[in-house]
Amino acid sequence: MAAGEWPVYGEITGPIVMIGFGSIGRGTLPLIERHFKYDKSRITVIDPRDDDAELLKKHGVRFIQEAVTKKNYKKLLKPLLSEGGGQGFCVNLSVDTSSLDLMKLTRELDVLYIDTVVEPWLGFYWDSKGGNEARTNYALRETVREEKRR
């Protein structure tokens, strides 16, 4: 297909925030650009590394060099996901960033959410407070499924 002939599958009326910009992010950004209608001035990428800052600048994407952590995620993401009105879109492509906490936050803000995998906060698998069975991928997925039923 020639440029400009890509099918558009939806419209994002609010801000778009991508958390993480590794190999998956570099592949996801062009998909968003091609297949969604959105305000290009309202997309932000958050990543602790600035390896792709120039690439993002070329695409007109605002870049914030910061790790999303258990301590800062609400303060960092709430303003970004709610600025300027419309329904936002949070794309979590990072590791060590709790999918469950991001799901709860985006639900609270009425923001669309997509993730590549169910991910815990850094340290989940080594937390000795619970037994081994509480620190498995199965236990993590079951917690997310329970939240989904609410």
C-alpha atoms as a PDB file:
ATOM      1  CA  MET A   1       0.000   0.000   0.000  1.00  0.00           C
ATOM      2  CA  ALA A   2       1.177   3.486  -0.746  1.00  0.00           C
ATOM      3  CA  ALA A   3       1.483   6.026   2.042  1.00  0.00           C
ATOM      4  CA  GLY A   4      -1.886   7.538   2.888  1.00  0.00           C
ATOM      5  CA  GLU A   5      -3.824   4.469   1.755  1.00  0.00           C
ATOM      6  CA  TRP A   6      -3.809   2.711   5.114  1.00  0.00           C
ATOM      7  CA  PRO A   7      -7.218   1.851   6.576  1.00  0.00           C
ATOM      8  CA  VAL A   8      -8.202   3.880   9.645  1.00  0.00           C
ATOM      9  CA  TYR A   9      -9.746   1.702  12.348  1.00  0.00           C
ATOM     10  CA  GLY A  10     -10.644   4.266  14.977  1.00  0.00           C
ATOM     11  CA  GLU A  11     -10.251   7.725  16.409  1.00  0.00           C
ATOM     12  CA  ILE A  12      -8.533   8.695  19.639  1.00  0.00           C
ATOM     13  CA  THR A  13     -10.079  11.964  20.830  1.00  0.00           C
ATOM     14  CA  GLY A  14      -7.796  12.512  23.813  1.00  0.00           C
ATOM     15  CA  PRO A  15      -4.104  12.250  24.571  1.00  0.00           C
ATOM     16  CA  ILE A  16      -2.083   9.140  23.740  1.00  0.00           C
ATOM     17  CA  VAL A  17       0.566   8.074  26.248  1.00  0.00           C
ATOM     18  CA  MET A  18       2.981   5.276  25.388  1.00  0.00           C
ATOM     19  CA  ILE A  19       4.889   3.882  28.348  1.00  0.00           C
ATOM     20  CA  GLY A  20       8.137   2.350  27.120  1.00  0.00           C
ATOM     21  CA  PHE A  21       9.774   2.722  23.730  1.00  0.00           C
ATOM     22  CA  GLY A  22      11.882  -0.353  23.128  1.00  0.00           C
ATOM     23  CA  SER A  23      11.554  -2.630  20.117  1.00  0.00           C
ATOM     24  CA  ILE A  24       7.802  -3.093  20.628  1.00  0.00           C
ATOM     25  CA  GLY A  25       7.273   0.665  20.928  1.00  0.00           C
ATOM     26  CA  ARG A  26       9.239   1.354  17.772  1.00  0.00           C
ATOM     27  CA  GLY A  27       6.901  -1.034  15.973  1.00  0.00           C
ATOM     28  CA  THR A  28       3.726   0.227  17.643  1.00  0.00           C
ATOM     29  CA  LEU A  29       4.167   3.940  16.921  1.00  0.00           C
ATOM     30  CA  PRO A  30       3.874   3.493  13.124  1.00  0.00           C
ATOM     31  CA  LEU A  31       0.752   1.356  13.620  1.00  0.00           C
ATOM     32  CA  ILE A  32      -0.897   4.113  15.645  1.00  0.00           C
ATOM     33  CA  GLU A  33       0.171   6.710  13.082  1.00  0.00           C
ATOM     34  CA  ARG A  34      -1.220   4.696  10.173  1.00  0.00           C
ATOM     35  CA  HIS A  35      -4.396   3.223  11.577  1.00  0.00           C
ATOM     36  CA  PHE A  36      -5.842   5.794  13.990  1.00  0.00           C
ATOM     37  CA  LYS A  37      -7.115   9.290  13.567  1.00  0.00           C
ATOM     38  CA  TYR A  38      -5.720  11.442  16.389  1.00  0.00           C
ATOM     39  CA  ASP A  39      -4.230  14.839  17.146  1.00  0.00           C
ATOM     40  CA  LYS A  40      -0.512  14.380  16.500  1.00  0.00           C
ATOM     41  CA  SER A  41       0.338  17.096  19.017  1.00  0.00           C
ATOM     42  CA  ARG A  42      -1.190  14.992  21.818  1.00  0.00           C
ATOM     43  CA  ILE A  43       1.051  11.925  21.809  1.00  0.00           C
ATOM     44  CA  THR A  44       3.672  11.397  24.517  1.00  0.00           C
ATOM     45  CA  VAL A  45       6.240   8.655  25.012  1.00  0.00           C
ATOM     46  CA  ILE A  46       7.671   7.982  28.481  1.00  0.00           C
ATOM     47  CA  ASP A  47      10.844   5.921  28.745  1.00  0.00           C
ATOM     48  CA  PRO A  48      13.782   5.954  31.181  1.00  0.00           C
ATOM     49  CA  ARG A  49      16.263   5.832  28.281  1.00  0.00           C
ATOM     50  CA  ASP A  50      16.675   8.510  25.645  1.00  0.00           C
ATOM     51  CA  ASP A  51      18.065   6.232  22.913  1.00  0.00           C
ATOM     52  CA  ASP A  52      15.255   7.162  20.528  1.00  0.00           C
ATOM     53  CA  ALA A  53      14.720  10.813  21.456  1.00  0.00           C
ATOM     54  CA  GLU A  54      15.751  11.997  17.977  1.00  0.00           C
ATOM     55  CA  LEU A  55      13.429   9.511  16.270  1.00  0.00           C
ATOM     56  CA  LEU A  56      10.534  10.674  18.428  1.00  0.00           C
ATOM     57  CA  LYS A  57      11.361  14.301  17.680  1.00  0.00           C
ATOM     58  CA  LYS A  58      11.222  13.541  13.928  1.00  0.00           C
ATOM     59  CA  HIS A  59       7.740  12.089  14.442  1.00  0.00           C
ATOM     60  CA  GLY A  60       6.636  15.136  16.448  1.00  0.00           C
ATOM     61  CA  VAL A  61       6.203  13.073  19.610  1.00  0.00           C
ATOM     62  CA  ARG A  62       6.700  14.638  23.027  1.00  0.00           C
ATOM     63  CA  PHE A  63       9.250  12.620  25.006  1.00  0.00           C
ATOM     64  CA  ILE A  64       9.585  12.370  28.779  1.00  0.00           C
ATOM     65  CA  GLN A  65      12.706  10.609  30.006  1.00  0.00           C
ATOM     66  CA  GLU A  66      11.559   9.026  33.246  1.00  0.00           C
ATOM     67  CA  ALA A  67      10.853   5.579  34.662  1.00  0.00           C
ATOM     68  CA  VAL A  68       7.221   4.911  35.570  1.00  0.00           C
ATOM     69  CA  THR A  69       7.328   3.518  39.110  1.00  0.00           C
ATOM     70  CA  LYS A  70       4.966   2.522  41.889  1.00  0.00           C
ATOM     71  CA  LYS A  71       5.801   5.804  43.620  1.00  0.00           C
ATOM     72  CA  ASN A  72       5.314   8.181  40.682  1.00  0.00           C
ATOM     73  CA  TYR A  73       2.853   6.627  38.225  1.00  0.00           C
ATOM     74  CA  LYS A  74      -0.273   8.491  39.375  1.00  0.00           C
ATOM     75  CA  LYS A  75       1.424  11.869  39.611  1.00  0.00           C
ATOM     76  CA  LEU A  76       3.109  11.359  36.238  1.00  0.00           C
ATOM     77  CA  LEU A  77       0.249   9.832  34.255  1.00  0.00           C
ATOM     78  CA  LYS A  78      -2.930  11.520  35.524  1.00  0.00           C
ATOM     79  CA  PRO A  79      -2.161  14.931  34.003  1.00  0.00           C
ATOM     80  CA  LEU A  80      -0.869  13.425  30.753  1.00  0.00           C
ATOM     81  CA  LEU A  81      -3.917  11.200  30.264  1.00  0.00           C
ATOM     82  CA  SER A  82      -6.475  13.874  31.077  1.00  0.00           C
ATOM     83  CA  GLU A  83      -5.055  17.060  29.539  1.00  0.00           C
ATOM     84  CA  GLY A  84      -7.037  18.733  26.780  1.00  0.00           C
ATOM     85  CA  GLY A  85     -10.234  16.688  26.995  1.00  0.00           C
ATOM     86  CA  GLY A  86     -11.403  13.731  24.941  1.00  0.00           C
ATOM     87  CA  GLN A  87     -10.915  10.061  25.753  1.00  0.00           C
ATOM     88  CA  GLY A  88      -7.260   9.237  26.243  1.00  0.00           C
ATOM     89  CA  PHE A  89      -5.376   6.103  25.260  1.00  0.00           C
ATOM     90  CA  CYS A  90      -2.655   4.523  27.413  1.00  0.00           C
ATOM     91  CA  VAL A  91      -0.345   2.056  25.658  1.00  0.00           C
ATOM     92  CA  ASN A  92       1.816   0.142  28.149  1.00  0.00           C
ATOM     93  CA  LEU A  93       4.849  -1.380  26.431  1.00  0.00           C
ATOM     94  CA  SER A  94       7.199  -1.409  29.403  1.00  0.00           C
ATOM     95  CA  VAL A  95       8.549  -3.921  31.872  1.00  0.00           C
ATOM     96  CA  ASP A  96       8.359  -3.666  35.662  1.00  0.00           C
ATOM     97  CA  THR A  97       5.278  -1.413  35.442  1.00  0.00           C
ATOM     98  CA  SER A  98       2.162  -2.863  37.061  1.00  0.00           C
ATOM     99  CA  SER A  99      -0.496  -3.619  34.481  1.00  0.00           C
ATOM    100  CA  LEU A 100      -3.071  -3.957  37.244  1.00  0.00           C
ATOM    101  CA  ASP A 101      -2.364  -0.528  38.738  1.00  0.00           C
ATOM    102  CA  LEU A 102      -2.399   1.065  35.283  1.00  0.00           C
ATOM    103  CA  MET A 103      -5.711  -0.650  34.485  1.00  0.00           C
ATOM    104  CA  LYS A 104      -7.231   0.702  37.689  1.00  0.00           C
ATOM    105  CA  LEU A 105      -5.942   4.213  36.985  1.00  0.00           C
ATOM    106  CA  THR A 106      -7.145   4.264  33.389  1.00  0.00           C
ATOM    107  CA  ARG A 107     -10.541   2.919  34.434  1.00  0.00           C
ATOM    108  CA  GLU A 108     -10.795   5.725  37.003  1.00  0.00           C
ATOM    109  CA  LEU A 109      -9.920   8.295  34.305  1.00  0.00           C
ATOM    110  CA  ASP A 110     -12.121   6.680  31.598  1.00  0.00           C
ATOM    111  CA  VAL A 111      -9.050   6.172  29.419  1.00  0.00           C
ATOM    112  CA  LEU A 112      -8.610   3.339  26.928  1.00  0.00           C
ATOM    113  CA  TYR A 113      -5.842   0.915  27.886  1.00  0.00           C
ATOM    114  CA  ILE A 114      -3.815  -1.700  26.053  1.00  0.00           C
ATOM    115  CA  ASP A 115      -0.866  -3.748  27.244  1.00  0.00           C
ATOM    116  CA  THR A 116       1.530  -6.263  25.755  1.00  0.00           C
ATOM    117  CA  VAL A 117       1.565  -8.554  28.792  1.00  0.00           C
ATOM    118  CA  VAL A 118       0.418  -8.661  32.414  1.00  0.00           C
ATOM    119  CA  GLU A 119       3.376  -7.130  34.206  1.00  0.00           C
ATOM    120  CA  PRO A 120       4.037  -6.526  37.937  1.00  0.00           C
ATOM    121  CA  TRP A 121       6.017  -3.766  39.603  1.00  0.00           C
ATOM    122  CA  LEU A 122       9.742  -4.340  39.892  1.00  0.00           C
ATOM    123  CA  GLY A 123      10.485  -6.756  42.745  1.00  0.00           C
ATOM    124  CA  PHE A 124       7.212  -8.724  42.615  1.00  0.00           C
ATOM    125  CA  TYR A 125       8.896 -12.048  41.897  1.00  0.00           C
ATOM    126  CA  TRP A 126      11.431 -11.635  44.729  1.00  0.00           C
ATOM    127  CA  ASP A 127       9.057 -10.343  47.414  1.00  0.00           C
ATOM    128  CA  SER A 128       9.499 -12.754  50.322  1.00  0.00           C
ATOM    129  CA  LYS A 129       6.329 -11.566  52.142  1.00  0.00           C
ATOM    130  CA  GLY A 130       4.215 -14.112  50.268  1.00  0.00           C
ATOM    131  CA  GLY A 131       4.786 -17.731  49.463  1.00  0.00           C
ATOM    132  CA  ASN A 132       6.206 -18.901  46.173  1.00  0.00           C
ATOM    133  CA  GLU A 133       2.715 -19.536  44.805  1.00  0.00           C
ATOM    134  CA  ALA A 134       1.792 -15.850  45.287  1.00  0.00           C
ATOM    135  CA  ARG A 135       4.727 -14.724  43.123  1.00  0.00           C
ATOM    136  CA  THR A 136       3.899 -16.616  39.953  1.00  0.00           C
ATOM    137  CA  ASN A 137       2.614 -15.421  36.593  1.00  0.00           C
ATOM    138  CA  TYR A 138      -0.494 -17.494  37.259  1.00  0.00           C
ATOM    139  CA  ALA A 139      -1.221 -15.645  40.514  1.00  0.00           C
ATOM    140  CA  LEU A 140      -0.602 -12.319  38.798  1.00  0.00           C
ATOM    141  CA  ARG A 141      -3.002 -13.139  35.935  1.00  0.00           C
ATOM    142  CA  GLU A 142      -5.662 -14.345  38.371  1.00  0.00           C
ATOM    143  CA  THR A 143      -5.454 -11.032  40.242  1.00  0.00           C
ATOM    144  CA  VAL A 144      -5.995  -9.161  36.976  1.00  0.00           C
ATOM    145  CA  ARG A 145      -8.902 -11.427  36.009  1.00  0.00           C
ATOM    146  CA  GLU A 146     -10.493 -10.793  39.402  1.00  0.00           C
ATOM    147  CA  GLU A 147     -10.171  -7.038  38.862  1.00  0.00           C
ATOM    148  CA  LYS A 148     -11.740  -7.355  35.412  1.00  0.00           C
ATOM    149  CA  ARG A 149     -14.862  -8.934  36.933  1.00  0.00           C
ATOM    150  CA  ARG A 150     -15.479  -5.821  39.059  1.00  0.00           C
END
